[in-house]
C-alpha cells in the first residue's frame, strides 16, 4: 500500500489573517522616498533664490547703466528726463519747454528736435519765439500728447507741420496762449487726431474765426477762444459738436448768430462771461435747440429773452444789471 502526502487544509484563521509584511523593509522605502522629496524641495528653493538674485542683479545693472547715461544728457529746457533701460542713443525727455529766448533763437527749426527720443516726448511747450515758424520736424513727434504755444508770434504754421491725425495719434490738448498771428493757423485746420479733446486759444489777437471749423474739427470736450479781441461769432460755430464752447473775456456786445442754432442742436455749456454783452437774441429760429447751461456772469445783460425759460436749464448771471434788480418771474428766479 502506497502512502500519499496530503497538504493540510488551510484553516479559517489562516485565510482571515494574511501574511505579515516585513515592517523594517517598508519603513526603509518610505524614508528613502521622503528624503528624495525633501532634497527636491530644498533644491527648488535654492534655485528660486538664485534666480531671484540673478534677476535682481540684472535689474540693478540696467538701472545703473541708465542712471550713468542720464548724467550725460544735456537737453536744454527738459522738465522731466526719463531713464530707459535700453537706449537708442537719443536723449529721453518726456516734457520739453523750447524757450527761444533762452536758446537765443527766434524759432525752432528742423534740427531742433534731432537729439530727442521722439518716443519718450509727451508734452511740448514752445515759448517766447518772436518769429515762430513751426518746423516740419514737428510731425516726427509721434507720441506727443500736449502742445502749448506761449508768448510767441506765429509767422508760419502750414499743413506740412500741422497737428495731424496720422502723425499725432495720441494728442489730447492744444493750447495757444498770449500769442500773435496774422491769420488763423493753417496747421490747426487739417484733419485733427481723433484723440484730441480740447483746443484752447487765450489772449491772442484773433478778431475773426473761420466759418468752417465745425466741419474741420471733430467732437471735442472743449473749444475755447478766451480773453481775446473777438467782437462777433460765426453762426457756424454753434454747429460744433462740443461739450463746452467758451468765448469768455472777449469784446462781444451782441450775439445774433446764436439764434441760428440748427434744429435739435444741444450745447451742454456755453460760456459768455466777462464780455460787454448787452443782449441775447430775442428768439431762436428753430424751436428745439437747447443750451443746457449759459454762463453770462459779469456782462451787461439787463433782460432775458423768453426762450431762456424753455431752451435752457441753468443761467449764470451774477454781477449783471439783470441780477441787480429783483426778479419777478418765478421761472427765471429758479434758473
Protein backbone atom coordinates (compact mmCIF):
# COMPACT_ATOMS: atom_id res chain seq x y z
CA UNK A 1 0.00 0.00 0.00
CA UNK A 2 1.36 3.44 -1.01
CA UNK A 3 1.17 6.42 1.27
CA UNK A 4 0.40 9.89 -0.24
CA UNK A 5 1.30 13.09 1.49
CA UNK A 6 -1.74 15.41 1.73
CA UNK A 7 -1.35 19.15 2.26
CA UNK A 8 -3.31 20.19 5.31
CA UNK A 9 -6.41 22.32 4.63
CA UNK A 10 -5.99 25.95 5.42
CA UNK A 11 -7.90 26.98 8.43
CA UNK A 12 -10.28 29.90 8.56
CA UNK A 13 -7.81 31.66 10.80
CA UNK A 14 -5.09 31.46 8.12
CA UNK A 15 -7.46 32.85 5.46
CA UNK A 16 -8.55 35.81 7.52
CA UNK A 17 -5.02 36.77 8.59
CA UNK A 18 -2.79 37.39 5.57
CA UNK A 19 0.92 37.10 5.79
CA UNK A 20 2.60 39.89 7.69
CA UNK A 21 4.83 42.19 5.56
CA UNK A 22 8.34 42.86 6.67
CA UNK A 23 7.88 46.18 8.50
CA UNK A 24 11.53 47.26 8.62
CA UNK A 25 11.81 47.00 4.78
CA UNK A 26 8.66 49.10 4.16
CA UNK A 27 9.76 51.76 6.61
CA UNK A 28 13.14 51.96 4.89
CA UNK A 29 11.49 52.50 1.49
CA UNK A 30 9.21 55.27 2.83
CA UNK A 31 12.10 57.04 4.50
CA UNK A 32 14.08 56.96 1.26
CA UNK A 33 11.10 58.39 -0.68
CA UNK A 34 10.55 61.24 1.78
CA UNK A 35 14.26 62.02 1.79
CA UNK A 36 14.17 62.35 -2.01
CA UNK A 37 11.18 64.72 -1.81
CA UNK A 38 12.93 66.84 0.81
CA UNK A 39 16.02 67.04 -1.37
CA UNK A 40 13.99 68.11 -4.42
CA UNK A 41 12.16 70.78 -2.41
CA UNK A 42 15.40 72.03 -0.96
CA UNK A 43 17.00 72.36 -4.40
CA UNK A 44 13.88 74.05 -5.81
CA UNK A 45 14.09 76.60 -3.00
CA UNK A 46 17.78 77.16 -3.65
CA UNK A 47 17.26 77.51 -7.41
CA UNK A 48 14.42 80.00 -6.84
CA UNK A 49 16.60 82.14 -4.59
CA UNK A 50 19.46 82.03 -7.09
CA UNK A 51 17.16 83.06 -9.95
CA UNK A 52 15.79 85.98 -7.91
CA UNK A 53 19.32 87.10 -7.06
CA UNK A 54 20.38 86.92 -10.71
CA UNK A 55 17.25 88.80 -11.84
CA UNK A 56 17.76 91.47 -9.17
CA UNK A 57 21.40 91.85 -10.19
CA UNK A 58 20.39 92.32 -13.84
CA UNK A 59 17.82 94.97 -12.86
CA UNK A 60 20.34 96.84 -10.71
CA UNK A 61 22.88 96.66 -13.52
CA UNK A 62 20.44 98.04 -16.10
CA UNK A 63 19.28 100.75 -13.70
CA UNK A 64 22.88 101.71 -13.01
CA UNK A 65 23.63 101.98 -16.72
CA UNK A 66 20.51 104.13 -17.23
CA UNK A 67 21.47 106.42 -14.35
CA UNK A 68 25.01 106.69 -15.70
CA UNK A 69 23.73 107.66 -19.15
CA UNK A 70 21.36 110.22 -17.62
CA UNK A 71 24.33 112.16 -16.22
CA UNK A 72 25.44 112.94 -19.75
CA UNK A 73 22.06 114.12 -21.07
CA UNK A 74 22.06 117.83 -21.82
CA UNK A 75 18.54 118.63 -23.02
CA UNK A 76 18.03 122.36 -22.60
CA UNK A 77 14.55 123.03 -21.26
CA UNK A 78 13.75 119.44 -20.35
CA UNK A 79 11.40 119.31 -17.36
CA UNK A 80 11.28 115.53 -16.99
CA UNK A 81 14.16 113.27 -18.02
CA UNK A 82 13.34 109.58 -18.23
CA UNK A 83 15.83 106.74 -17.69
CA UNK A 84 15.02 103.89 -20.08
CA UNK A 85 16.99 100.68 -19.56
CA UNK A 86 17.66 100.33 -23.25
CA UNK A 87 18.81 103.44 -25.07
CA UNK A 88 18.56 104.25 -28.76
CA UNK A 89 21.22 106.93 -28.40
CA UNK A 90 18.72 109.80 -28.23
CA UNK A 91 18.04 111.93 -25.18
CA UNK A 92 14.86 110.71 -23.43
CA UNK A 93 12.87 113.76 -22.33
CA UNK A 94 9.15 113.39 -21.65
CA UNK A 95 8.37 117.10 -21.11
CA UNK A 96 10.22 119.82 -23.02
CA UNK A 97 10.00 123.62 -22.97
CA UNK A 98 11.60 125.06 -26.09
CA UNK A 99 12.36 128.61 -24.97
CA UNK A 100 13.57 130.74 -27.89
CA UNK A 101 14.78 133.46 -25.52
CA UNK A 102 16.89 131.02 -23.50
CA UNK A 103 18.30 129.47 -26.67
CA UNK A 104 18.89 132.85 -28.34
CA UNK A 105 16.81 131.88 -31.38
CA UNK A 106 13.63 133.20 -33.00
CA UNK A 107 12.06 129.82 -33.76
CA UNK A 108 12.74 126.09 -33.60
CA UNK A 109 13.92 124.61 -36.90
CA UNK A 110 14.06 121.16 -38.49
CA UNK A 111 17.13 120.23 -36.44
CA UNK A 112 15.84 121.41 -33.06
CA UNK A 113 14.44 118.02 -32.07
CA UNK A 114 17.11 115.81 -33.67
CA UNK A 115 18.71 114.80 -30.36
CA UNK A 116 15.42 113.92 -28.70
CA UNK A 117 13.98 110.46 -28.30
CA UNK A 118 10.66 111.10 -30.04
CA UNK A 119 9.15 108.01 -28.42
CA UNK A 120 9.64 109.50 -24.94
CA UNK A 121 8.45 113.06 -25.61
CA UNK A 122 4.86 113.55 -24.37
CA UNK A 123 4.45 117.30 -23.82
CA UNK A 124 5.98 120.20 -25.75
CA UNK A 125 5.80 123.91 -24.94
CA UNK A 126 7.21 126.46 -27.37
CA UNK A 127 7.65 129.83 -25.69
CA UNK A 128 8.98 133.35 -26.27
CA UNK A 129 9.56 132.90 -30.01
CA UNK A 130 9.25 136.23 -31.89
CA UNK A 131 9.13 134.60 -35.34
CA UNK A 132 7.66 131.15 -34.85
CA UNK A 133 7.91 129.04 -37.98
CA UNK A 134 6.62 125.63 -36.96
CA UNK A 135 9.18 123.14 -38.34
CA UNK A 136 8.17 120.14 -40.43
CA UNK A 137 10.13 118.03 -37.96
CA UNK A 138 7.22 118.60 -35.57
CA UNK A 139 5.37 115.77 -37.30
CA UNK A 140 8.03 113.28 -36.14
CA UNK A 141 6.87 113.71 -32.53
CA UNK A 142 4.52 110.76 -32.76
CA UNK A 143 3.80 110.28 -29.04
CA UNK A 144 3.09 113.93 -28.27
CA UNK A 145 0.05 114.35 -26.03
CA UNK A 146 0.04 118.10 -25.36
CA UNK A 147 1.19 121.12 -27.38
CA UNK A 148 1.43 124.56 -25.78
CA UNK A 149 2.40 127.72 -27.66
CA UNK A 150 3.07 130.65 -25.34
CA UNK A 151 4.08 134.29 -25.70
CA UNK A 152 5.10 133.92 -29.33
CA UNK A 153 4.35 135.36 -32.75
CA UNK A 154 3.35 132.83 -35.40
CA UNK A 155 4.70 133.76 -38.82
CA UNK A 156 4.16 130.35 -40.42
CA UNK A 157 2.32 127.20 -39.42
CA UNK A 158 1.25 125.38 -42.55
CA UNK A 159 -0.19 121.98 -43.40
CA UNK A 160 3.23 120.31 -43.65
CA UNK A 161 3.89 120.98 -39.96
CA UNK A 162 0.30 120.63 -38.77
CA UNK A 163 -1.22 118.80 -35.84
CA UNK A 164 -2.03 115.66 -37.79
CA UNK A 165 -4.44 112.76 -37.41
CA UNK A 166 -1.77 110.40 -38.76
CA UNK A 167 1.36 111.85 -37.11
CA UNK A 168 -0.03 112.65 -33.64
CA UNK A 169 -2.39 109.81 -32.82
CA UNK A 170 -2.10 110.36 -29.04
CA UNK A 171 -2.59 114.14 -28.94
CA UNK A 172 -5.05 115.24 -26.25
CA UNK A 173 -4.76 119.01 -25.97
CA UNK A 174 -3.61 122.09 -27.91
CA UNK A 175 -3.26 125.42 -26.09
CA UNK A 176 -2.26 128.71 -27.74
CA UNK A 177 -1.75 131.47 -25.17
CA UNK A 178 -0.53 135.07 -25.34
CA UNK A 179 0.34 134.55 -28.98
CA UNK A 180 0.06 136.83 -32.01
CA UNK A 181 -0.78 135.75 -35.56
CA UNK A 182 -1.84 137.37 -38.81
CA UNK A 183 -4.40 134.67 -39.62
CA UNK A 184 -5.83 131.50 -38.17
CA UNK A 185 -3.03 128.87 -38.24
CA UNK A 186 -3.30 126.51 -41.19
CA UNK A 187 -1.62 123.90 -39.00
CA UNK A 188 -4.85 123.58 -36.99
CA UNK A 189 -7.18 123.40 -39.98
CA UNK A 190 -6.07 119.96 -41.15
CA UNK A 191 -7.72 116.68 -40.05
CA UNK A 192 -7.05 116.52 -36.32
CA UNK A 193 -6.22 113.41 -34.24
CA UNK A 194 -9.29 111.52 -33.11
CA UNK A 195 -7.84 111.52 -29.59
CA UNK A 196 -7.83 115.35 -29.36
CA UNK A 197 -10.12 116.54 -26.55
CA UNK A 198 -9.59 120.30 -26.45
CA UNK A 199 -8.36 123.28 -28.46
CA UNK A 200 -7.95 126.49 -26.50
CA UNK A 201 -6.89 129.98 -27.57
CA UNK A 202 -6.29 132.57 -24.85
CA UNK A 203 -5.05 136.16 -25.10
CA UNK A 204 -4.47 136.14 -28.84
CA UNK A 205 -5.06 138.89 -31.41
CA UNK A 206 -7.62 136.91 -33.42
CA UNK A 207 -10.52 139.15 -34.46
CA UNK A 208 -12.44 136.60 -36.53
CA UNK A 209 -12.83 132.84 -36.70
CA UNK A 210 -13.07 130.53 -39.72
CA UNK A 211 -16.68 129.72 -40.53
CA UNK A 212 -15.98 126.06 -41.30
CA UNK A 213 -14.41 124.88 -38.04
CA UNK A 214 -17.45 122.72 -37.34
CA UNK A 215 -16.62 120.69 -40.46
CA UNK A 216 -12.87 120.57 -39.89
CA UNK A 217 -12.92 119.72 -36.18
CA UNK A 218 -14.48 116.59 -34.74
CA UNK A 219 -16.47 116.35 -31.50
CA UNK A 220 -14.42 117.51 -28.50
CA UNK A 221 -14.77 118.18 -24.81
CA UNK A 222 -13.84 121.86 -25.13
CA UNK A 223 -13.33 124.57 -27.74
CA UNK A 224 -12.34 127.92 -26.26
CA UNK A 225 -11.42 131.34 -27.65
CA UNK A 226 -10.99 133.38 -24.50
CA UNK A 227 -9.64 136.76 -23.38
CA UNK A 228 -9.20 137.99 -26.94
CA UNK A 229 -10.47 140.59 -29.39
CA UNK A 230 -13.47 138.78 -30.88
CA UNK A 231 -16.50 141.01 -31.47
CA UNK A 232 -18.65 138.51 -33.34
CA UNK A 233 -19.01 134.76 -33.65
CA UNK A 234 -19.83 132.98 -36.94
CA UNK A 235 -23.18 131.20 -36.69
CA UNK A 236 -21.45 128.01 -37.86
CA UNK A 237 -19.58 127.86 -34.53
CA UNK A 238 -22.87 126.85 -32.92
CA UNK A 239 -22.94 123.80 -35.18
CA UNK A 240 -19.82 122.42 -33.48
CA UNK A 241 -20.30 119.10 -31.64
CA UNK A 242 -18.62 120.14 -28.41
CA UNK A 243 -19.40 119.88 -24.70
CA UNK A 244 -18.03 123.28 -23.61
CA UNK A 245 -17.96 126.21 -26.04
CA UNK A 246 -16.31 129.25 -24.48
CA UNK A 247 -15.94 132.84 -25.70
CA UNK A 248 -15.26 134.31 -22.26
CA UNK A 249 -13.38 137.57 -21.91
CA UNK A 250 -13.78 138.93 -25.45
CA UNK A 251 -15.44 142.12 -26.79
CA UNK A 252 -18.80 140.67 -27.77
CA UNK A 253 -21.72 143.07 -27.30
CA UNK A 254 -24.42 141.20 -29.21
CA UNK A 255 -24.74 137.62 -30.35
CA UNK A 256 -27.34 137.44 -33.14
CA UNK A 257 -25.78 134.30 -34.62
CA UNK A 258 -26.85 132.30 -31.56
CA UNK A 259 -30.39 132.50 -32.93
CA UNK A 260 -29.29 130.40 -35.92
CA UNK A 261 -28.59 127.24 -33.96
CA UNK A 262 -29.78 124.29 -36.08
CA UNK A 263 -32.86 122.28 -35.08
CA UNK A 264 -32.15 119.71 -32.39
CA UNK A 265 -28.71 121.14 -31.60
CA UNK A 266 -27.64 120.75 -27.96
CA UNK A 267 -24.78 122.71 -26.39
CA UNK A 268 -24.16 121.48 -22.83
CA UNK A 269 -22.13 124.54 -21.75
CA UNK A 270 -21.90 127.99 -23.39
CA UNK A 271 -19.56 130.42 -21.63
CA UNK A 272 -20.01 134.13 -22.39
CA UNK A 273 -18.79 135.63 -19.12
CA UNK A 274 -16.66 138.78 -18.90
CA UNK A 275 -17.94 140.19 -22.20
CA UNK A 276 -19.64 143.60 -22.67
CA UNK A 277 -22.69 141.59 -23.76
CA UNK A 278 -25.81 143.79 -23.82
CA UNK A 279 -28.40 141.38 -25.17
CA UNK A 280 -29.15 137.87 -26.33
CA UNK A 281 -31.21 137.22 -29.47
CA UNK A 282 -34.92 137.79 -28.90
CA UNK A 283 -35.86 134.42 -30.39
CA UNK A 284 -34.37 131.25 -31.80
CA UNK A 285 -35.08 130.38 -35.42
CA UNK A 286 -35.67 126.70 -34.62
CA UNK A 287 -37.99 125.68 -31.76
CA UNK A 288 -35.94 122.90 -30.24
CA UNK A 289 -32.20 123.74 -29.93
CA UNK A 290 -31.11 123.58 -26.31
CA UNK A 291 -28.32 125.22 -24.31
CA UNK A 292 -28.16 123.39 -21.01
CA UNK A 293 -26.01 125.97 -19.22
CA UNK A 294 -25.29 129.60 -20.17
CA UNK A 295 -22.65 131.47 -18.20
CA UNK A 296 -23.31 135.21 -18.62
CA UNK A 297 -21.66 136.41 -15.43
CA UNK A 298 -20.05 139.86 -15.38
CA UNK A 299 -21.79 141.01 -18.57
CA UNK A 300 -24.11 143.94 -19.31
CA UNK A 301 -27.29 141.89 -19.71
CA UNK A 302 -30.30 143.72 -18.30
CA UNK A 303 -33.02 141.38 -19.59
CA UNK A 304 -33.50 137.76 -20.59
CA UNK A 305 -35.39 136.68 -23.72
CA UNK A 306 -38.39 134.38 -23.40
CA UNK A 307 -36.60 131.35 -24.87
CA UNK A 308 -34.30 131.29 -21.84
CA UNK A 309 -37.20 129.75 -19.88
CA UNK A 310 -37.78 126.92 -22.36
CA UNK A 311 -34.49 126.28 -24.15
CA UNK A 312 -32.06 126.40 -21.23
CA UNK A 313 -31.74 124.66 -17.91
CA UNK A 314 -29.32 126.88 -15.97
CA UNK A 315 -28.33 130.54 -16.46
CA UNK A 316 -25.46 132.05 -14.50
CA UNK A 317 -25.91 135.83 -14.37
CA UNK A 318 -24.03 137.01 -11.30
CA UNK A 319 -22.77 140.61 -11.44
CA UNK A 320 -25.11 141.71 -14.24
CA UNK A 321 -27.71 144.52 -14.36
CA UNK A 322 -30.33 141.78 -14.69
CA UNK A 323 -29.45 140.38 -11.28
CA UNK A 324 -29.11 143.85 -9.75
CA UNK A 325 -32.91 144.21 -9.80
CA UNK A 326 -35.46 141.88 -8.18
CA UNK A 327 -36.55 139.03 -10.45
CA UNK A 328 -40.33 138.81 -10.56
CA UNK A 329 -40.63 135.87 -12.95
CA UNK A 330 -40.52 132.71 -10.78
CA UNK A 331 -39.18 130.60 -13.67
CA UNK A 332 -36.23 132.92 -14.22
CA UNK A 333 -35.69 133.20 -10.49
CA UNK A 334 -35.40 129.41 -10.31
CA UNK A 335 -32.94 129.26 -13.21
